[in-house]
Amino acid sequence: METAPQPQTGPVPPSPVPVQAQSPVTPAPSSEALPPKHVAWSFTGAFGIYDRAALQRGFQVYKEVCSACHALSHVAFRNLGDPGGPEFSQDEVKAIAASYKIPGGPNEQGQTVDANGTPLTRPGTPADYFPSPFANEQAARTANNGALPPDLSLIVKAREGNQDYVYSIVTGDSQRPPANEPVPAGLYYDPYFPRHQIAMPPPLRNGSVTFSDGTPNTLEQEAHDVVTFLAWASEPTMDERKRVGFVVMLYLIGFAVLLFFAYRRIWHGHHDVGAVGEGTGDETRLAP
């Protein structure tokens, strides 16, 4: 005969909880971009100016690498010969402009395409602006997996961090992603870009271009020079602005010195009548 279990009068001990095996936790990918690198630039500071040699090398990098995807629509070919810029000669500017194909206007028959349906073009002139590498936005997106390459005319001024940010993006695009940050197909890892995923393939590498002046064509040098060129494109009159500002400051300082000596010569030691009185004040009363 079975007996029923007797109720317990004391505290009930907790039942043992089975311990589950813990697996290592994979950290979630960080979406916060790294702060831009700080690079020494010749044009920063109150007295900084553009490095002409770096501007010419940077234009070479843009033309041979960047211009395949990115426009420079706010810069005219003639600006390449302006003081404070790359300062190419007039013949060099003409040759650079002629190497680009500019959409041609209607011909004598009013047609904008030839017999094969190809749009009419003509060689560029110094008065023309850099043409876009694509006919329209849809063509640009189609050629770049849906992404729209930004115009580089004002890219340095349009991004927080300015030239440091652009330099960091260009040099960081070639880094290998960590194991915990998978990158989808069609995108590339860049720790300086938001969410660390960018649609631009690594644009530069060691030896992307060969500089005619013998400067080493490392990735860092190419990035430094092309960012210098893009900084000039964003603010082509910076050198002139700083020169004018310096002259204005000298003028104001000289004017302030002249005012000081004029004050010392004419007004110092002279007081308005009645401003300072002496005695008991009886001298202010009218004479009888």
Protein backbone atom coordinates (compact mmCIF):
# COMPACT_ATOMS: atom_id res chain seq x y z
CA MET A 1 0.00 0.00 0.00
CA GLU A 2 1.43 3.37 -1.08
CA THR A 3 1.52 6.27 1.27
CA ALA A 4 0.99 9.85 0.12
CA PRO A 5 3.95 12.16 0.43
CA GLN A 6 3.90 14.24 3.53
CA PRO A 7 3.85 18.02 3.10
CA GLN A 8 7.10 19.79 3.89
CA THR A 9 7.04 22.17 6.78
CA GLY A 10 10.30 24.00 6.09
CA PRO A 11 11.34 26.27 3.20
CA VAL A 12 11.32 24.64 -0.18
CA PRO A 13 14.78 24.56 -1.72
CA PRO A 14 14.93 25.98 -5.23
CA SER A 15 14.98 23.43 -7.96
CA PRO A 16 18.19 23.28 -9.89
CA VAL A 17 18.12 25.11 -13.24
CA PRO A 18 19.94 23.40 -16.04
CA VAL A 19 22.90 25.44 -17.25
CA GLN A 20 22.87 25.99 -21.00
CA ALA A 21 26.09 26.13 -22.92
CA GLN A 22 26.88 29.75 -23.89
CA SER A 23 28.15 30.50 -27.38
CA PRO A 24 30.44 33.44 -28.11
CA VAL A 25 28.51 36.61 -28.93
CA THR A 26 29.41 38.32 -32.20
CA PRO A 27 29.49 42.09 -31.70
CA ALA A 28 27.07 44.03 -33.83
CA PRO A 29 28.61 46.07 -36.60
CA SER A 30 29.20 49.69 -35.63
CA SER A 31 27.49 52.29 -37.82
CA GLU A 32 29.51 55.21 -36.45
CA ALA A 33 32.16 56.46 -38.84
CA LEU A 34 35.68 57.02 -37.61
CA PRO A 35 36.77 60.65 -37.23
CA PRO A 36 38.69 61.92 -40.27
CA LYS A 37 42.45 61.77 -40.33
CA HIS A 38 44.27 65.03 -39.64
CA VAL A 39 46.62 65.83 -42.52
CA ALA A 40 49.00 68.77 -42.94
CA TRP A 41 47.79 70.93 -45.83
CA SER A 42 49.70 73.82 -47.36
CA PHE A 43 46.55 75.91 -47.83
CA THR A 44 45.15 75.88 -44.30
CA GLY A 45 45.69 78.68 -41.80
CA ALA A 46 45.66 82.44 -42.24
CA PHE A 47 48.75 82.47 -44.45
CA GLY A 48 48.34 79.11 -46.20
CA ILE A 49 48.37 78.96 -50.00
CA TYR A 50 47.86 76.24 -52.56
CA ASP A 51 50.86 74.21 -53.66
CA ARG A 52 51.02 74.69 -57.43
CA ALA A 53 52.86 71.41 -58.06
CA ALA A 54 50.36 69.49 -55.92
CA LEU A 55 47.49 71.11 -57.83
CA GLN A 56 48.90 70.00 -61.17
CA ARG A 57 49.48 66.46 -59.91
CA GLY A 58 46.01 66.44 -58.39
CA PHE A 59 44.47 67.44 -61.69
CA GLN A 60 46.29 64.54 -63.32
CA VAL A 61 44.81 62.14 -60.75
CA TYR A 62 41.33 63.57 -61.31
CA LYS A 63 41.59 63.36 -65.10
CA GLU A 64 43.05 59.85 -65.25
CA VAL A 65 41.05 58.27 -62.41
CA CYS A 66 38.19 60.31 -60.95
CA SER A 67 36.74 61.86 -64.14
CA ALA A 68 35.50 58.44 -65.29
CA CYS A 69 32.66 58.69 -62.73
CA HIS A 70 32.65 62.16 -61.15
CA ALA A 71 31.79 65.48 -62.77
CA LEU A 72 33.47 68.81 -62.10
CA SER A 73 30.70 70.93 -63.54
CA HIS A 74 31.43 74.22 -61.72
CA VAL A 75 35.00 74.52 -63.02
CA ALA A 76 35.83 75.89 -66.48
CA PHE A 77 38.92 74.84 -68.38
CA ARG A 78 40.17 78.43 -68.35
CA ASN A 79 40.27 78.33 -64.53
CA LEU A 80 43.20 75.90 -64.77
CA GLY A 81 45.36 78.84 -65.89
CA ASP A 82 44.16 81.36 -63.30
CA PRO A 83 46.62 82.75 -60.72
CA GLY A 84 46.46 80.84 -57.46
CA GLY A 85 45.43 77.62 -59.20
CA PRO A 86 47.33 74.98 -61.16
CA GLU A 87 48.49 77.85 -63.42
CA PHE A 88 48.83 75.85 -66.59
CA SER A 89 49.99 77.87 -69.60
CA GLN A 90 47.48 79.01 -72.21
CA ASP A 91 48.67 76.35 -74.62
CA GLU A 92 48.33 73.68 -71.94
CA VAL A 93 44.82 74.86 -71.09
CA LYS A 94 43.82 74.72 -74.76
CA ALA A 95 45.25 71.21 -75.10
CA ILE A 96 43.46 70.01 -71.95
CA ALA A 97 40.16 71.48 -73.13
CA ALA A 98 40.52 69.97 -76.61
CA SER A 99 41.02 66.51 -75.10
CA TYR A 100 37.39 66.56 -73.85
CA LYS A 101 34.33 66.06 -76.00
CA ILE A 102 31.62 68.66 -75.44
CA PRO A 103 28.02 68.05 -76.54
CA GLY A 104 27.58 69.86 -79.84
CA GLY A 105 24.64 72.03 -80.74
CA PRO A 106 22.36 71.49 -83.72
CA ASN A 107 24.16 71.29 -87.03
CA GLU A 108 23.15 73.12 -90.18
CA GLN A 109 20.24 70.76 -90.59
CA GLY A 110 19.10 71.29 -86.99
CA GLN A 111 20.12 67.80 -85.95
CA THR A 112 21.76 66.93 -82.62
CA VAL A 113 22.74 63.38 -83.62
CA ASP A 114 24.52 61.98 -86.65
CA ALA A 115 23.22 59.41 -89.12
CA ASN A 116 24.00 56.59 -86.68
CA GLY A 117 22.10 58.26 -83.84
CA THR A 118 25.29 59.24 -81.99
CA PRO A 119 25.06 62.64 -80.25
CA LEU A 120 27.11 65.32 -81.94
CA THR A 121 30.18 66.50 -80.05
CA ARG A 122 33.00 68.97 -80.54
CA PRO A 123 36.41 69.51 -78.96
CA GLY A 124 36.33 71.61 -75.82
CA THR A 125 37.59 75.19 -75.59
CA PRO A 126 38.94 77.10 -72.58
CA ALA A 127 35.54 78.76 -72.17
CA ASP A 128 33.78 75.41 -71.67
CA TYR A 129 33.16 73.73 -68.33
CA PHE A 130 34.22 70.20 -67.51
CA PRO A 131 31.58 67.88 -68.99
CA SER A 132 29.83 65.16 -67.04
CA PRO A 133 30.98 61.61 -67.81
CA PHE A 134 27.32 60.56 -68.15
CA ALA A 135 24.50 61.88 -70.29
CA ASN A 136 22.07 62.09 -67.36
CA GLU A 137 21.43 60.88 -63.82
CA GLN A 138 19.77 57.64 -64.91
CA ALA A 139 22.77 56.74 -67.05
CA ALA A 140 25.06 57.45 -64.11
CA ARG A 141 23.05 55.21 -61.78
CA THR A 142 22.86 52.43 -64.33
CA ALA A 143 26.64 52.44 -64.75
CA ASN A 144 27.25 52.46 -60.98
CA ASN A 145 24.89 49.78 -59.66
CA GLY A 146 22.21 52.31 -58.72
CA ALA A 147 24.54 54.74 -56.93
CA LEU A 148 24.92 58.34 -58.10
CA PRO A 149 28.54 59.58 -58.06
CA PRO A 150 28.57 63.09 -56.55
CA ASP A 151 29.85 66.13 -58.41
CA LEU A 152 33.30 66.96 -57.04
CA SER A 153 33.23 70.72 -57.69
CA LEU A 154 32.21 71.57 -54.12
CA ILE A 155 32.74 68.23 -52.39
CA VAL A 156 35.39 69.56 -49.98
CA LYS A 157 33.15 72.38 -48.75
CA ALA A 158 30.01 70.23 -48.75
CA ARG A 159 31.28 67.60 -46.30
CA GLU A 160 31.91 67.98 -42.59
CA GLY A 161 35.63 67.61 -42.06
CA ASN A 162 36.34 69.18 -45.45
CA GLN A 163 39.61 68.04 -47.00
CA ASP A 164 40.42 65.69 -44.10
CA TYR A 165 37.14 63.85 -44.65
CA VAL A 166 37.64 63.45 -48.41
CA TYR A 167 41.23 62.27 -47.88
CA SER A 168 40.09 59.73 -45.29
CA ILE A 169 37.35 58.38 -47.57
CA VAL A 170 39.76 57.95 -50.49
CA THR A 171 42.46 56.23 -48.44
CA GLY A 172 40.07 54.20 -46.25
CA ASP A 173 38.16 52.67 -49.13
CA SER A 174 40.89 50.09 -49.73
CA GLN A 175 40.87 48.61 -46.21
CA ARG A 176 39.81 45.04 -45.50
CA PRO A 177 36.59 44.75 -43.45
CA PRO A 178 36.70 43.01 -40.05
CA ALA A 179 35.10 39.60 -39.66
CA ASN A 180 32.09 40.96 -37.75
CA GLU A 181 31.12 43.47 -40.47
CA PRO A 182 29.94 41.62 -43.57
CA VAL A 183 29.72 43.84 -46.63
CA PRO A 184 26.90 43.17 -49.12
CA ALA A 185 27.69 42.56 -52.75
CA GLY A 186 28.16 45.77 -54.68
CA LEU A 187 29.37 47.72 -51.65
CA TYR A 188 32.83 48.27 -50.20
CA TYR A 189 34.13 48.68 -46.66
CA ASP A 190 35.25 52.14 -45.55
CA PRO A 191 35.46 52.90 -41.81
CA TYR A 192 35.29 56.67 -42.44
CA PHE A 193 31.94 56.43 -44.22
CA PRO A 194 28.57 56.21 -42.39
CA ARG A 195 27.64 52.56 -41.77
CA HIS A 196 31.10 51.66 -43.11
CA GLN A 197 29.64 50.68 -46.49
CA ILE A 198 30.23 52.75 -49.61
CA ALA A 199 29.26 52.15 -53.23
CA MET A 200 32.52 53.55 -54.62
CA PRO A 201 35.17 50.96 -55.45
CA PRO A 202 38.66 51.76 -54.13
CA PRO A 203 39.61 54.60 -56.52
CA LEU A 204 43.36 54.76 -55.90
CA ARG A 205 46.21 52.38 -55.28
CA ASN A 206 49.97 52.59 -55.38
CA GLY A 207 50.92 53.48 -58.93
CA SER A 208 47.48 54.59 -60.13
CA VAL A 209 49.16 57.41 -62.05
CA THR A 210 52.73 58.26 -63.02
CA PHE A 211 53.66 61.81 -62.08
CA SER A 212 55.74 63.63 -64.66
CA ASP A 213 57.78 65.45 -62.00
CA GLY A 214 59.03 62.20 -60.48
CA THR A 215 57.01 62.44 -57.26
CA PRO A 216 56.47 58.99 -55.69
CA ASN A 217 53.05 57.73 -56.75
CA THR A 218 52.00 56.14 -53.48
CA LEU A 219 48.34 55.89 -52.50
CA GLU A 220 48.79 58.57 -49.84
CA GLN A 221 50.53 60.97 -52.22
CA GLU A 222 47.91 60.53 -54.93
CA ALA A 223 45.12 61.09 -52.40
CA HIS A 224 46.87 64.16 -50.97
CA ASP A 225 47.31 65.75 -54.39
CA VAL A 226 43.81 65.07 -55.72
CA VAL A 227 42.24 66.38 -52.49
CA THR A 228 44.38 69.52 -52.80
CA PHE A 229 43.04 69.97 -56.33
CA LEU A 230 39.45 69.43 -55.17
CA ALA A 231 39.96 71.94 -52.35
CA TRP A 232 41.05 74.49 -54.96
CA ALA A 233 38.02 73.61 -57.12
CA SER A 234 35.79 74.32 -54.12
CA GLU A 235 37.44 77.69 -53.43
CA PRO A 236 39.57 78.79 -56.41
CA THR A 237 40.00 82.39 -55.20
CA MET A 238 41.31 81.53 -51.73
CA ASP A 239 44.85 82.77 -52.36
CA GLU A 240 43.59 86.13 -53.66
CA ARG A 241 41.13 86.43 -50.78
CA LYS A 242 43.88 85.90 -48.23
CA ARG A 243 46.15 88.42 -49.96
CA VAL A 244 43.41 91.03 -49.99
CA GLY A 245 42.56 90.28 -46.37
CA PHE A 246 46.20 90.69 -45.35
CA VAL A 247 46.43 94.08 -47.13
CA VAL A 248 43.18 95.22 -45.52
CA MET A 249 44.46 94.25 -42.07
CA LEU A 250 47.68 96.22 -42.65
CA TYR A 251 45.62 99.22 -43.78
CA LEU A 252 43.38 99.06 -40.71
CA ILE A 253 46.36 98.77 -38.37
CA GLY A 254 48.05 101.79 -40.04
CA PHE A 255 44.81 103.76 -39.90
CA ALA A 256 44.41 102.97 -36.20
CA VAL A 257 47.99 104.20 -35.55
CA LEU A 258 47.27 107.47 -37.40
CA LEU A 259 44.11 107.99 -35.37
CA PHE A 260 46.02 107.45 -32.16
CA PHE A 261 48.70 110.01 -33.02
CA ALA A 262 46.03 112.46 -34.21
CA TYR A 263 44.32 112.11 -30.87
CA ARG A 264 47.60 112.69 -29.03
CA ARG A 265 48.36 115.73 -31.16
CA ILE A 266 45.00 117.50 -31.14
CA TRP A 267 42.79 116.29 -28.30
CA HIS A 268 45.02 114.92 -25.58
CA GLY A 269 45.03 117.28 -22.54
CA HIS A 270 42.06 119.32 -23.74
CA HIS A 271 38.72 119.04 -21.95
CA ASP A 272 35.26 120.28 -22.69
CA VAL A 273 34.27 123.54 -21.06
CA GLY A 274 32.57 122.82 -17.77
CA ALA A 275 33.55 119.14 -17.81
CA VAL A 276 36.03 119.65 -14.96
CA GLY A 277 35.51 122.34 -12.35
CA GLU A 278 37.80 123.63 -9.61
CA GLY A 279 37.13 125.25 -6.23
CA THR A 280 33.81 125.15 -4.45
CA GLY A 281 31.70 125.70 -7.49
CA ASP A 282 31.01 129.41 -6.81
CA GLU A 283 32.71 130.28 -10.08
CA THR A 284 29.74 128.79 -11.94
CA ARG A 285 27.47 131.57 -10.63
CA LEU A 286 26.70 134.47 -12.91
CA ALA A 287 28.43 137.76 -12.08
CA PRO A 288 26.10 140.51 -10.78
